[in-house]
N, C-alpha and C. Protein backbone atom coordinates (compact mmCIF):
# COMPACT_ATOMS: atom_id res chain seq x y z
N MET A 1 -22.71 76.47 187.25
CA MET A 1 -22.43 77.66 186.41
C MET A 1 -21.64 77.23 185.18
N ALA A 2 -21.89 77.91 184.05
CA ALA A 2 -21.16 77.60 182.79
C ALA A 2 -19.80 78.24 182.81
N GLU A 3 -18.78 77.49 182.32
CA GLU A 3 -17.41 78.02 182.27
C GLU A 3 -17.29 79.07 181.17
N PRO A 4 -16.54 80.12 181.48
CA PRO A 4 -16.36 81.16 180.43
C PRO A 4 -15.58 80.59 179.27
N LYS A 5 -15.98 81.00 178.06
CA LYS A 5 -15.28 80.54 176.87
C LYS A 5 -13.92 81.20 176.74
N LYS A 6 -12.95 80.38 176.24
CA LYS A 6 -11.59 80.91 175.99
C LYS A 6 -11.60 81.77 174.73
N ALA A 7 -10.79 82.80 174.79
CA ALA A 7 -10.70 83.68 173.61
C ALA A 7 -10.11 82.94 172.44
N ASP A 8 -10.71 83.12 171.29
CA ASP A 8 -10.18 82.49 170.08
C ASP A 8 -8.82 83.09 169.71
N LYS A 9 -7.91 82.22 169.19
CA LYS A 9 -6.59 82.70 168.74
C LYS A 9 -6.75 83.51 167.47
N ALA A 10 -6.05 84.58 167.43
CA ALA A 10 -6.09 85.42 166.22
C ALA A 10 -5.35 84.74 165.09
N PRO A 11 -5.80 84.91 163.89
CA PRO A 11 -5.09 84.28 162.77
C PRO A 11 -3.70 84.85 162.64
N GLY A 12 -2.81 84.00 162.18
CA GLY A 12 -1.43 84.46 161.99
C GLY A 12 -0.50 83.81 162.94
N GLY A 13 -0.96 82.88 163.78
CA GLY A 13 -0.04 82.11 164.60
C GLY A 13 -0.01 82.58 166.01
N ARG A 14 1.09 82.39 166.69
CA ARG A 14 1.27 82.58 168.11
C ARG A 14 1.14 84.03 168.49
N GLY A 15 0.36 84.31 169.53
CA GLY A 15 0.25 85.65 170.08
C GLY A 15 -0.41 86.64 169.17
N GLY A 16 -1.16 86.20 168.19
CA GLY A 16 -1.85 87.15 167.35
C GLY A 16 -1.11 87.48 166.07
N GLY A 17 0.22 87.17 166.00
CA GLY A 17 0.98 87.34 164.77
C GLY A 17 1.11 88.79 164.38
N ALA A 18 1.40 88.96 163.09
CA ALA A 18 1.66 90.31 162.58
C ALA A 18 0.38 91.09 162.40
N ALA A 19 -0.80 90.36 162.32
CA ALA A 19 -2.05 91.07 162.06
C ALA A 19 -2.49 91.87 163.26
N ALA A 20 -2.34 91.28 164.48
CA ALA A 20 -2.81 91.96 165.68
C ALA A 20 -1.77 92.92 166.22
N GLY A 21 -0.47 92.52 166.18
CA GLY A 21 0.58 93.37 166.73
C GLY A 21 0.51 93.42 168.22
N LYS A 22 1.18 94.37 168.82
CA LYS A 22 1.15 94.53 170.26
C LYS A 22 -0.13 95.22 170.69
N ALA A 23 -0.48 95.01 171.97
CA ALA A 23 -1.73 95.59 172.47
C ALA A 23 -1.65 97.10 172.45
N GLY A 24 -2.68 97.72 171.92
CA GLY A 24 -2.75 99.16 171.91
C GLY A 24 -1.99 99.81 170.77
N GLN A 25 -1.42 99.01 169.84
CA GLN A 25 -0.69 99.58 168.72
C GLN A 25 -1.32 99.14 167.41
N ALA A 26 -1.34 100.03 166.44
CA ALA A 26 -1.87 99.69 165.12
C ALA A 26 -0.82 98.90 164.36
N PRO A 27 -1.22 98.01 163.49
CA PRO A 27 -0.25 97.23 162.70
C PRO A 27 0.59 98.12 161.82
N ARG A 28 1.91 97.76 161.70
CA ARG A 28 2.83 98.58 160.90
C ARG A 28 2.57 98.35 159.42
N PRO A 29 2.56 99.39 158.64
CA PRO A 29 2.36 99.22 157.19
C PRO A 29 3.53 98.49 156.57
N LYS A 30 3.25 97.81 155.48
CA LYS A 30 4.27 97.03 154.79
C LYS A 30 5.35 97.94 154.23
N GLY A 31 6.60 97.57 154.52
CA GLY A 31 7.73 98.37 154.03
C GLY A 31 8.18 99.45 154.96
N ALA A 32 7.46 99.63 156.13
CA ALA A 32 7.85 100.66 157.07
C ALA A 32 9.15 100.27 157.75
N GLY A 33 9.99 101.22 158.06
CA GLY A 33 11.25 100.97 158.74
C GLY A 33 12.43 100.80 157.79
N LYS A 34 12.16 100.53 156.49
CA LYS A 34 13.24 100.41 155.53
C LYS A 34 13.67 101.78 155.03
N ALA A 35 14.96 101.91 154.79
CA ALA A 35 15.48 103.19 154.32
C ALA A 35 14.99 103.45 152.91
N ALA A 36 14.59 104.69 152.66
CA ALA A 36 14.10 105.04 151.34
C ALA A 36 15.28 105.06 150.37
N PRO A 37 15.10 104.56 149.16
CA PRO A 37 16.21 104.56 148.19
C PRO A 37 16.63 105.97 147.84
N ALA A 38 17.94 106.13 147.70
CA ALA A 38 18.46 107.46 147.38
C ALA A 38 18.02 107.87 145.99
N ALA A 39 17.76 109.15 145.86
CA ALA A 39 17.32 109.66 144.56
C ALA A 39 18.47 109.61 143.57
N GLU A 40 18.22 109.14 142.37
CA GLU A 40 19.26 109.04 141.36
C GLU A 40 19.52 110.41 140.76
N PRO A 41 20.80 110.71 140.49
CA PRO A 41 21.10 112.00 139.86
C PRO A 41 20.52 112.04 138.46
N ALA A 42 20.11 113.20 138.06
CA ALA A 42 19.51 113.36 136.75
C ALA A 42 20.44 114.14 135.85
N GLY A 43 20.31 113.94 134.55
CA GLY A 43 21.06 114.71 133.58
C GLY A 43 22.51 114.31 133.52
N PRO A 44 23.42 115.31 133.26
CA PRO A 44 24.84 115.03 133.10
C PRO A 44 25.47 114.40 134.32
N ALA A 45 24.98 114.77 135.53
CA ALA A 45 25.57 114.19 136.75
C ALA A 45 25.37 112.69 136.80
N LYS A 46 24.20 112.22 136.34
CA LYS A 46 23.95 110.79 136.33
C LYS A 46 24.86 110.09 135.35
N ARG A 47 25.07 110.66 134.16
CA ARG A 47 25.94 110.05 133.17
C ARG A 47 27.38 110.01 133.65
N ALA A 48 27.83 111.06 134.34
CA ALA A 48 29.21 111.09 134.83
C ALA A 48 29.43 110.05 135.91
N SER A 49 28.42 109.87 136.81
CA SER A 49 28.59 108.91 137.88
C SER A 49 28.56 107.48 137.37
N VAL A 50 27.79 107.23 136.31
CA VAL A 50 27.71 105.89 135.78
C VAL A 50 28.99 105.53 135.03
N SER A 51 29.47 106.44 134.19
CA SER A 51 30.66 106.15 133.40
C SER A 51 31.92 106.18 134.25
N GLY A 52 31.97 107.07 135.25
CA GLY A 52 33.13 107.15 136.11
C GLY A 52 34.34 107.80 135.47
N SER A 53 34.19 108.41 134.31
CA SER A 53 35.30 109.02 133.61
C SER A 53 35.23 110.53 133.77
N THR A 54 36.40 111.14 133.94
CA THR A 54 36.51 112.58 134.04
C THR A 54 37.37 113.09 132.92
N PRO A 55 37.11 114.26 132.40
CA PRO A 55 37.93 114.79 131.30
C PRO A 55 39.36 115.04 131.77
N PRO A 56 40.35 114.84 130.91
CA PRO A 56 41.75 115.09 131.30
C PRO A 56 41.96 116.55 131.67
N ARG A 57 42.69 116.76 132.74
CA ARG A 57 42.90 118.14 133.20
C ARG A 57 43.80 118.91 132.25
N MET A 58 44.68 118.21 131.50
CA MET A 58 45.53 118.90 130.54
C MET A 58 44.70 119.46 129.39
N ARG A 59 43.68 118.72 128.96
CA ARG A 59 42.81 119.23 127.90
C ARG A 59 41.97 120.39 128.40
N GLU A 60 41.48 120.32 129.63
CA GLU A 60 40.72 121.43 130.20
C GLU A 60 41.61 122.66 130.37
N ARG A 61 42.86 122.45 130.72
CA ARG A 61 43.79 123.58 130.84
C ARG A 61 44.06 124.20 129.49
N PHE A 62 44.15 123.37 128.45
CA PHE A 62 44.38 123.90 127.10
C PHE A 62 43.22 124.78 126.66
N ARG A 63 42.00 124.34 126.93
CA ARG A 63 40.84 125.09 126.49
C ARG A 63 40.61 126.36 127.29
N SER A 64 40.86 126.29 128.59
CA SER A 64 40.53 127.43 129.46
C SER A 64 41.67 128.43 129.62
N ALA A 65 42.91 127.99 129.53
CA ALA A 65 44.04 128.88 129.81
C ALA A 65 44.98 129.06 128.62
N VAL A 66 45.34 127.96 127.94
CA VAL A 66 46.35 128.05 126.88
C VAL A 66 45.81 128.81 125.67
N VAL A 67 44.59 128.50 125.24
CA VAL A 67 44.03 129.16 124.06
C VAL A 67 43.91 130.66 124.25
N PRO A 68 43.31 131.17 125.35
CA PRO A 68 43.27 132.63 125.53
C PRO A 68 44.65 133.26 125.65
N ALA A 69 45.59 132.58 126.32
CA ALA A 69 46.92 133.15 126.48
C ALA A 69 47.65 133.27 125.15
N MET A 70 47.56 132.24 124.29
CA MET A 70 48.24 132.31 122.99
C MET A 70 47.55 133.28 122.05
N MET A 71 46.24 133.43 122.14
CA MET A 71 45.55 134.42 121.32
C MET A 71 46.00 135.83 121.68
N LYS A 72 46.19 136.07 122.96
CA LYS A 72 46.64 137.39 123.39
C LYS A 72 48.12 137.60 123.09
N GLU A 73 48.91 136.54 123.22
CA GLU A 73 50.35 136.66 123.06
C GLU A 73 50.76 136.77 121.59
N ARG A 74 50.14 135.99 120.72
CA ARG A 74 50.55 135.93 119.32
C ARG A 74 49.56 136.61 118.37
N GLY A 75 48.49 137.17 118.90
CA GLY A 75 47.58 137.95 118.07
C GLY A 75 46.65 137.14 117.20
N TYR A 76 46.30 135.93 117.62
CA TYR A 76 45.33 135.14 116.85
C TYR A 76 43.94 135.76 117.00
N ARG A 77 43.19 135.82 115.90
CA ARG A 77 41.85 136.38 115.95
C ARG A 77 40.78 135.32 116.21
N ASN A 78 41.10 134.09 115.88
CA ASN A 78 40.14 133.00 116.01
C ASN A 78 40.75 131.91 116.88
N PRO A 79 39.97 131.34 117.80
CA PRO A 79 40.54 130.26 118.64
C PRO A 79 41.02 129.06 117.84
N PHE A 80 40.45 128.85 116.64
CA PHE A 80 40.87 127.72 115.83
C PHE A 80 42.21 127.95 115.13
N GLN A 81 42.71 129.18 115.19
CA GLN A 81 44.05 129.45 114.67
C GLN A 81 45.14 129.01 115.63
N VAL A 82 44.80 128.80 116.87
CA VAL A 82 45.78 128.39 117.88
C VAL A 82 46.22 126.96 117.59
N PRO A 83 47.53 126.71 117.47
CA PRO A 83 47.99 125.32 117.24
C PRO A 83 47.64 124.44 118.42
N ARG A 84 47.46 123.17 118.14
CA ARG A 84 47.08 122.23 119.19
C ARG A 84 47.82 120.92 119.01
N LEU A 85 47.82 120.14 120.05
CA LEU A 85 48.47 118.83 120.01
C LEU A 85 47.60 117.86 119.24
N GLU A 86 48.19 117.19 118.25
CA GLU A 86 47.43 116.29 117.40
C GLU A 86 47.55 114.84 117.84
N LYS A 87 48.76 114.36 118.14
CA LYS A 87 48.97 112.99 118.58
C LYS A 87 50.34 112.87 119.23
N VAL A 88 50.51 111.78 119.96
CA VAL A 88 51.79 111.46 120.60
C VAL A 88 52.17 110.04 120.19
N VAL A 89 53.37 109.90 119.65
CA VAL A 89 53.86 108.61 119.19
C VAL A 89 55.02 108.18 120.09
N ILE A 90 54.93 106.97 120.65
CA ILE A 90 55.98 106.43 121.52
C ILE A 90 56.55 105.20 120.83
N ASN A 91 57.85 105.20 120.64
CA ASN A 91 58.52 104.11 119.93
C ASN A 91 59.61 103.54 120.83
N MET A 92 59.63 102.22 120.95
CA MET A 92 60.64 101.54 121.76
C MET A 92 61.33 100.49 120.87
N GLY A 93 62.60 100.70 120.61
CA GLY A 93 63.35 99.76 119.79
C GLY A 93 63.89 98.60 120.61
N VAL A 94 63.69 97.39 120.10
CA VAL A 94 64.16 96.18 120.78
C VAL A 94 64.94 95.37 119.74
N GLY A 95 66.23 95.67 119.61
CA GLY A 95 67.04 95.00 118.61
C GLY A 95 67.24 93.53 118.89
N GLU A 96 67.31 93.16 120.17
CA GLU A 96 67.51 91.75 120.51
C GLU A 96 66.24 90.93 120.39
N GLY A 97 65.13 91.56 119.98
CA GLY A 97 63.88 90.83 119.83
C GLY A 97 63.91 89.82 118.68
N LYS A 98 64.82 90.04 117.72
CA LYS A 98 64.90 89.09 116.60
C LYS A 98 65.50 87.76 117.02
N GLU A 99 66.19 87.74 118.16
CA GLU A 99 66.80 86.51 118.64
C GLU A 99 66.02 85.88 119.80
N ASN A 100 65.40 86.73 120.61
CA ASN A 100 64.66 86.25 121.79
C ASN A 100 63.29 86.92 121.80
N ALA A 101 62.25 86.14 121.58
CA ALA A 101 60.90 86.69 121.51
C ALA A 101 60.40 87.16 122.88
N LYS A 102 60.92 86.57 123.96
CA LYS A 102 60.48 86.96 125.30
C LYS A 102 60.87 88.40 125.62
N VAL A 103 62.00 88.84 125.09
CA VAL A 103 62.43 90.22 125.33
C VAL A 103 61.43 91.20 124.74
N LEU A 104 60.92 90.88 123.57
CA LEU A 104 59.91 91.73 122.94
C LEU A 104 58.61 91.74 123.74
N ASP A 105 58.29 90.61 124.35
CA ASP A 105 57.08 90.55 125.19
C ASP A 105 57.22 91.45 126.42
N PHE A 106 58.40 91.48 127.04
CA PHE A 106 58.63 92.36 128.19
C PHE A 106 58.53 93.83 127.77
N ALA A 107 59.11 94.17 126.64
CA ALA A 107 59.06 95.55 126.17
C ALA A 107 57.63 95.98 125.84
N THR A 108 56.88 95.09 125.23
CA THR A 108 55.49 95.40 124.90
C THR A 108 54.66 95.61 126.16
N ALA A 109 54.90 94.78 127.17
CA ALA A 109 54.15 94.92 128.43
C ALA A 109 54.49 96.25 129.12
N ASP A 110 55.76 96.64 129.10
CA ASP A 110 56.15 97.91 129.71
C ASP A 110 55.52 99.09 128.98
N LEU A 111 55.55 99.05 127.65
CA LEU A 111 54.98 100.16 126.88
C LEU A 111 53.47 100.23 127.05
N GLN A 112 52.81 99.11 127.16
CA GLN A 112 51.36 99.10 127.37
C GLN A 112 51.02 99.68 128.74
N ALA A 113 51.82 99.37 129.77
CA ALA A 113 51.57 99.94 131.10
C ALA A 113 51.79 101.44 131.11
N ILE A 114 52.76 101.92 130.34
CA ILE A 114 53.05 103.35 130.32
C ILE A 114 51.99 104.13 129.56
N ALA A 115 51.61 103.62 128.38
CA ALA A 115 50.70 104.35 127.51
C ALA A 115 49.23 104.09 127.80
N GLY A 116 48.92 102.93 128.42
CA GLY A 116 47.53 102.59 128.63
C GLY A 116 46.83 102.12 127.37
N GLN A 117 47.60 101.69 126.40
CA GLN A 117 47.06 101.23 125.12
C GLN A 117 47.98 100.16 124.56
N LYS A 118 47.40 99.16 123.91
CA LYS A 118 48.20 98.04 123.41
C LYS A 118 49.09 98.50 122.26
N PRO A 119 50.40 98.22 122.33
CA PRO A 119 51.31 98.67 121.26
C PRO A 119 51.21 97.80 120.02
N VAL A 120 51.81 98.30 118.95
CA VAL A 120 51.89 97.59 117.68
C VAL A 120 53.33 97.14 117.49
N ILE A 121 53.53 95.91 117.07
CA ILE A 121 54.87 95.39 116.83
C ILE A 121 55.41 95.96 115.52
N THR A 122 56.59 96.54 115.55
CA THR A 122 57.24 97.07 114.35
C THR A 122 58.21 96.02 113.80
N ARG A 123 58.24 95.90 112.49
CA ARG A 123 59.06 94.89 111.84
C ARG A 123 60.01 95.54 110.84
N ALA A 124 61.09 94.85 110.54
CA ALA A 124 62.08 95.37 109.60
C ALA A 124 61.49 95.44 108.20
N LYS A 125 61.73 96.55 107.50
CA LYS A 125 61.19 96.73 106.17
C LYS A 125 62.04 96.06 105.09
N LYS A 126 63.34 95.89 105.38
CA LYS A 126 64.21 95.23 104.41
C LYS A 126 65.34 94.52 105.14
N SER A 127 66.00 93.63 104.46
CA SER A 127 67.09 92.86 105.04
C SER A 127 68.40 93.64 104.96
N ILE A 128 69.18 93.60 106.04
CA ILE A 128 70.49 94.25 106.10
C ILE A 128 71.48 93.20 106.61
N ALA A 129 72.41 92.81 105.76
CA ALA A 129 73.32 91.72 106.11
C ALA A 129 74.30 92.12 107.20
N ASN A 130 74.74 93.37 107.19
CA ASN A 130 75.72 93.82 108.19
C ASN A 130 75.17 93.77 109.61
N PHE A 131 73.87 93.94 109.74
CA PHE A 131 73.24 93.91 111.06
C PHE A 131 72.58 92.56 111.34
N LYS A 132 72.79 91.60 110.47
CA LYS A 132 72.16 90.28 110.59
C LYS A 132 70.65 90.41 110.74
N LEU A 133 70.09 91.25 109.90
CA LEU A 133 68.67 91.57 109.97
C LEU A 133 67.98 91.08 108.71
N ARG A 134 66.85 90.42 108.91
CA ARG A 134 66.05 89.94 107.80
C ARG A 134 64.74 90.70 107.72
N GLU A 135 64.18 90.71 106.54
CA GLU A 135 62.93 91.42 106.33
C GLU A 135 61.80 90.79 107.14
N ASN A 136 60.94 91.67 107.67
CA ASN A 136 59.73 91.28 108.42
C ASN A 136 60.05 90.64 109.78
N VAL A 137 61.24 90.90 110.31
CA VAL A 137 61.60 90.41 111.64
C VAL A 137 61.19 91.46 112.68
N PRO A 138 60.53 91.09 113.79
CA PRO A 138 60.14 92.10 114.81
C PRO A 138 61.36 92.72 115.47
N ILE A 139 61.39 94.05 115.48
CA ILE A 139 62.55 94.77 116.04
C ILE A 139 62.13 95.84 117.05
N GLY A 140 60.86 95.92 117.40
CA GLY A 140 60.44 96.93 118.36
C GLY A 140 58.93 97.00 118.46
N CYS A 141 58.46 98.05 119.15
CA CYS A 141 57.02 98.27 119.30
C CYS A 141 56.77 99.77 119.42
N LYS A 142 55.57 100.16 119.04
CA LYS A 142 55.21 101.57 119.10
C LYS A 142 53.73 101.70 119.42
N VAL A 143 53.34 102.88 119.86
CA VAL A 143 51.93 103.15 120.17
C VAL A 143 51.66 104.61 119.82
N THR A 144 50.48 104.87 119.26
CA THR A 144 50.05 106.22 118.88
C THR A 144 48.85 106.61 119.74
N LEU A 145 48.98 107.72 120.45
CA LEU A 145 47.94 108.17 121.37
C LEU A 145 47.26 109.40 120.80
N ARG A 146 45.94 109.40 120.87
CA ARG A 146 45.14 110.56 120.47
C ARG A 146 44.05 110.79 121.50
N GLY A 147 43.47 111.98 121.47
CA GLY A 147 42.34 112.27 122.33
C GLY A 147 42.70 112.32 123.81
N PRO A 148 41.81 111.83 124.68
CA PRO A 148 42.06 111.90 126.13
C PRO A 148 43.33 111.19 126.57
N ARG A 149 43.64 110.03 125.98
CA ARG A 149 44.85 109.30 126.38
C ARG A 149 46.11 110.09 126.06
N MET A 150 46.07 110.86 125.00
CA MET A 150 47.21 111.69 124.64
C MET A 150 47.46 112.75 125.70
N TYR A 151 46.40 113.43 126.13
CA TYR A 151 46.55 114.47 127.15
C TYR A 151 46.94 113.86 128.50
N GLU A 152 46.38 112.70 128.84
CA GLU A 152 46.72 112.07 130.11
C GLU A 152 48.19 111.64 130.14
N PHE A 153 48.68 111.11 129.02
CA PHE A 153 50.09 110.71 128.97
C PHE A 153 51.00 111.94 129.09
N LEU A 154 50.68 113.01 128.38
CA LEU A 154 51.51 114.22 128.46
C LEU A 154 51.50 114.79 129.87
N ASP A 155 50.36 114.72 130.54
CA ASP A 155 50.27 115.20 131.92
C ASP A 155 51.20 114.39 132.83
N ARG A 156 51.17 113.06 132.70
CA ARG A 156 52.04 112.22 133.53
C ARG A 156 53.51 112.39 133.16
N LEU A 157 53.78 112.59 131.87
CA LEU A 157 55.17 112.78 131.44
C LEU A 157 55.77 114.05 132.01
N VAL A 158 55.01 115.15 131.95
CA VAL A 158 55.53 116.45 132.37
C VAL A 158 55.60 116.58 133.88
N ASN A 159 54.57 116.12 134.58
CA ASN A 159 54.46 116.37 136.01
C ASN A 159 54.98 115.25 136.90
N VAL A 160 55.14 114.03 136.35
CA VAL A 160 55.55 112.91 137.19
C VAL A 160 56.85 112.28 136.70
N ALA A 161 56.91 111.94 135.42
CA ALA A 161 58.05 111.16 134.92
C ALA A 161 59.32 111.99 134.78
N LEU A 162 59.25 113.13 134.08
CA LEU A 162 60.46 113.92 133.85
C LEU A 162 61.11 114.43 135.13
N PRO A 163 60.36 114.85 136.15
CA PRO A 163 61.03 115.25 137.40
C PRO A 163 61.76 114.11 138.10
N ARG A 164 61.50 112.86 137.73
CA ARG A 164 62.18 111.73 138.35
C ARG A 164 63.49 111.38 137.63
N VAL A 165 63.79 112.07 136.54
CA VAL A 165 65.05 111.84 135.83
C VAL A 165 66.20 112.38 136.67
N ARG A 166 67.27 111.63 136.76
CA ARG A 166 68.42 112.03 137.57
C ARG A 166 69.09 113.25 136.95
N ASP A 167 69.35 114.26 137.79
CA ASP A 167 69.99 115.52 137.37
C ASP A 167 69.24 116.16 136.20
N PHE A 168 67.93 116.21 136.31
CA PHE A 168 67.12 116.75 135.22
C PHE A 168 67.21 118.28 135.20
N LYS A 169 67.52 118.83 134.04
CA LYS A 169 67.62 120.28 133.88
C LYS A 169 66.72 120.79 132.76
N GLY A 170 65.83 119.97 132.29
CA GLY A 170 64.94 120.36 131.21
C GLY A 170 65.22 119.57 129.94
N VAL A 171 64.25 119.57 129.04
CA VAL A 171 64.42 118.88 127.77
C VAL A 171 65.10 119.80 126.77
N PRO A 172 65.94 119.29 125.87
CA PRO A 172 66.66 120.16 124.93
C PRO A 172 65.71 120.81 123.92
N PRO A 173 65.87 122.09 123.64
CA PRO A 173 64.99 122.76 122.67
C PRO A 173 65.34 122.49 121.22
N LYS A 174 66.37 121.68 120.97
CA LYS A 174 66.79 121.40 119.60
C LYS A 174 66.10 120.17 119.01
N GLY A 175 65.06 119.69 119.66
CA GLY A 175 64.40 118.48 119.19
C GLY A 175 63.31 118.71 118.16
N PHE A 176 63.13 119.94 117.68
CA PHE A 176 62.10 120.22 116.68
C PHE A 176 62.60 119.85 115.29
N ASP A 177 61.68 119.40 114.45
CA ASP A 177 62.05 118.90 113.13
C ASP A 177 61.84 119.91 112.02
N GLY A 178 61.46 121.16 112.36
CA GLY A 178 61.23 122.17 111.34
C GLY A 178 59.79 122.23 110.85
N ARG A 179 58.96 121.30 111.27
CA ARG A 179 57.56 121.27 110.84
C ARG A 179 56.59 121.37 112.01
N GLY A 180 57.08 121.79 113.16
CA GLY A 180 56.21 121.96 114.32
C GLY A 180 56.06 120.73 115.17
N ASN A 181 56.92 119.73 114.97
CA ASN A 181 56.86 118.51 115.78
C ASN A 181 58.11 118.42 116.65
N TYR A 182 57.96 117.87 117.84
CA TYR A 182 59.07 117.81 118.78
C TYR A 182 59.38 116.35 119.11
N ASN A 183 60.68 116.01 119.13
CA ASN A 183 61.14 114.65 119.44
C ASN A 183 62.04 114.69 120.67
N MET A 184 61.84 113.76 121.56
CA MET A 184 62.68 113.63 122.74
C MET A 184 62.97 112.15 122.99
N GLY A 185 64.07 111.89 123.64
CA GLY A 185 64.45 110.52 123.96
C GLY A 185 64.60 110.33 125.46
N LEU A 186 64.15 109.20 125.95
CA LEU A 186 64.29 108.83 127.36
C LEU A 186 65.17 107.60 127.44
N LYS A 187 66.07 107.59 128.41
CA LYS A 187 67.01 106.47 128.54
C LYS A 187 66.47 105.33 129.39
N GLU A 188 65.50 105.62 130.24
CA GLU A 188 64.98 104.61 131.16
C GLU A 188 63.47 104.66 131.18
N GLN A 189 62.85 103.49 131.16
CA GLN A 189 61.39 103.43 131.27
C GLN A 189 60.94 103.38 132.72
N VAL A 190 61.88 103.24 133.65
CA VAL A 190 61.51 103.11 135.07
C VAL A 190 61.15 104.45 135.70
N ILE A 191 61.29 105.56 134.96
CA ILE A 191 60.90 106.85 135.52
C ILE A 191 59.38 106.98 135.59
N PHE A 192 58.66 106.14 134.88
CA PHE A 192 57.20 106.16 134.95
C PHE A 192 56.74 105.36 136.16
N PRO A 193 55.82 105.87 136.95
CA PRO A 193 55.39 105.15 138.16
C PRO A 193 54.63 103.87 137.87
N GLU A 194 54.17 103.67 136.64
CA GLU A 194 53.44 102.44 136.31
C GLU A 194 54.37 101.23 136.22
N ILE A 195 55.66 101.46 136.08
CA ILE A 195 56.62 100.38 135.94
C ILE A 195 57.12 99.96 137.32
N VAL A 196 57.00 98.67 137.62
CA VAL A 196 57.51 98.11 138.87
C VAL A 196 58.97 97.71 138.63
N TYR A 197 59.88 98.31 139.38
CA TYR A 197 61.31 98.12 139.12
C TYR A 197 61.73 96.67 139.32
N ASP A 198 61.12 95.98 140.28
CA ASP A 198 61.53 94.60 140.56
C ASP A 198 61.14 93.64 139.43
N LYS A 199 60.18 94.04 138.59
CA LYS A 199 59.73 93.16 137.51
C LYS A 199 60.34 93.52 136.16
N VAL A 200 61.25 94.49 136.14
CA VAL A 200 61.87 94.90 134.88
C VAL A 200 63.00 93.96 134.55
N ASP A 201 62.98 93.42 133.33
CA ASP A 201 64.06 92.51 132.92
C ASP A 201 65.30 93.25 132.47
N LYS A 202 65.09 94.45 131.87
CA LYS A 202 66.21 95.24 131.37
C LYS A 202 65.77 96.68 131.25
N VAL A 203 66.68 97.60 131.57
CA VAL A 203 66.38 99.02 131.42
C VAL A 203 66.56 99.40 129.96
N ARG A 204 65.52 99.91 129.35
CA ARG A 204 65.56 100.30 127.94
C ARG A 204 64.88 101.64 127.77
N GLY A 205 65.30 102.38 126.76
CA GLY A 205 64.77 103.72 126.52
C GLY A 205 63.66 103.72 125.49
N MET A 206 63.24 104.92 125.15
CA MET A 206 62.16 105.09 124.18
C MET A 206 62.25 106.47 123.56
N ASP A 207 61.64 106.62 122.39
CA ASP A 207 61.55 107.89 121.68
C ASP A 207 60.11 108.37 121.71
N ILE A 208 59.92 109.64 122.03
CA ILE A 208 58.59 110.23 122.13
C ILE A 208 58.50 111.39 121.15
N THR A 209 57.47 111.38 120.30
CA THR A 209 57.24 112.43 119.32
C THR A 209 55.93 113.12 119.63
N LEU A 210 55.98 114.44 119.82
CA LEU A 210 54.79 115.25 120.05
C LEU A 210 54.43 115.94 118.73
N VAL A 211 53.38 115.49 118.10
CA VAL A 211 52.96 116.02 116.80
C VAL A 211 51.91 117.11 117.03
N THR A 212 52.17 118.31 116.51
CA THR A 212 51.27 119.44 116.67
C THR A 212 50.80 119.92 115.30
N THR A 213 49.82 120.81 115.32
CA THR A 213 49.33 121.41 114.08
C THR A 213 50.02 122.73 113.78
N ALA A 214 51.07 123.06 114.51
CA ALA A 214 51.79 124.31 114.29
C ALA A 214 52.55 124.26 112.96
N ARG A 215 52.67 125.39 112.32
CA ARG A 215 53.37 125.46 111.04
C ARG A 215 54.85 125.72 111.22
N THR A 216 55.24 126.31 112.33
CA THR A 216 56.64 126.61 112.58
C THR A 216 57.05 126.04 113.93
N ASP A 217 58.37 125.91 114.11
CA ASP A 217 58.88 125.41 115.38
C ASP A 217 58.64 126.41 116.51
N GLU A 218 58.62 127.70 116.17
CA GLU A 218 58.39 128.72 117.19
C GLU A 218 57.00 128.60 117.79
N GLU A 219 56.00 128.39 116.92
CA GLU A 219 54.64 128.21 117.42
C GLU A 219 54.51 126.93 118.25
N ALA A 220 55.16 125.87 117.79
CA ALA A 220 55.10 124.60 118.51
C ALA A 220 55.75 124.72 119.88
N LYS A 221 56.87 125.42 119.96
CA LYS A 221 57.54 125.59 121.25
C LYS A 221 56.68 126.42 122.20
N ALA A 222 56.02 127.47 121.68
CA ALA A 222 55.15 128.28 122.53
C ALA A 222 53.98 127.44 123.05
N LEU A 223 53.42 126.59 122.20
CA LEU A 223 52.32 125.74 122.63
C LEU A 223 52.76 124.76 123.71
N LEU A 224 53.88 124.06 123.49
CA LEU A 224 54.34 123.07 124.46
C LEU A 224 54.78 123.74 125.76
N THR A 225 55.31 124.95 125.68
CA THR A 225 55.68 125.67 126.90
C THR A 225 54.46 125.99 127.74
N HIS A 226 53.39 126.43 127.09
CA HIS A 226 52.15 126.70 127.83
C HIS A 226 51.54 125.43 128.41
N LEU A 227 51.76 124.29 127.75
CA LEU A 227 51.25 123.02 128.26
C LEU A 227 52.10 122.47 129.40
N GLY A 228 53.25 123.08 129.65
CA GLY A 228 54.05 122.67 130.80
C GLY A 228 55.31 121.90 130.48
N VAL A 229 55.68 121.76 129.20
CA VAL A 229 56.91 121.04 128.86
C VAL A 229 58.10 121.88 129.29
N PRO A 230 58.97 121.36 130.16
CA PRO A 230 60.09 122.17 130.69
C PRO A 230 61.30 122.15 129.74
N PHE A 231 61.43 123.19 128.94
CA PHE A 231 62.55 123.28 128.03
C PHE A 231 63.80 123.81 128.73
N ARG A 232 64.93 123.27 128.35
CA ARG A 232 66.21 123.69 128.92
C ARG A 232 66.60 125.04 128.33
N GLU A 233 67.18 125.88 129.16
CA GLU A 233 67.65 127.17 128.68
C GLU A 233 68.89 126.98 127.83
N SER A 234 68.82 127.51 126.60
CA SER A 234 69.94 127.34 125.69
C SER A 234 71.03 128.39 125.94
C-alpha cells in the first residue's frame, strides 16, 4: 500500500504562521487590537490645548465685573471711558552695585523671578561727588510690565504677596501722584513666593508704580479698589 502524503506546511513558518491563524478562526486584519487615536480638538479648543496658555483672571475680572460696576457707579456711557491699567513699573535700587557687580546680579535675578521678565540695568545719569557716584555706573534695575504679565503680577501682588507682609493693614492711599498713577514701596522681596529665602544674599526693597489711564486720583483709586488693591482706611 502507498503511504499517505504529509500535509504541506503553510507559508509563513511554523504552525501555519500569521496567514493561517488558529484552527477555525479567520485571520485578524492588520492593525486590529490597537487603540484608536483620540480625536483632536477642533477650533479654539485645539489652539488652547496646544499653546497651554490661559488668559489672566485679573483681566477677565476687569472686563466682566469692573467695567460694568464702574459704568454704573460713575455714570460712564461708553465702556471705553472706564479707566484701565496701562503698565506696571518695578524698580529696585542697588547702591552697592557700583562697588560689587555680584550684588547687582543677585538683585537682577530676584527681580526677574518676581516679574517673569528680564530687567533692565539702570545707570547713573550724572556724577555726584558727595555720593562717590560716577556717570554711567550701574545703580539698580527695573522692569516694565504690560499686557497679560501686568495683570498676572498685580494678581500675585494683591492676593499672595501683600497678605504675607508682617502686620499688614493695607497700602497707604497717599501714594497717588495727582495724575492717576499710584506708587507703593515694599521693604522685602521675600514676600513673593517665587523667592527662595535660603538663596537670598540680602533683603532689599523695591518701588512699584501702577500707571493708569485715569485723569484724576479719585478715578484711579476707584479702579484699583475694584481690582482688589487693599487701601488702608485714612
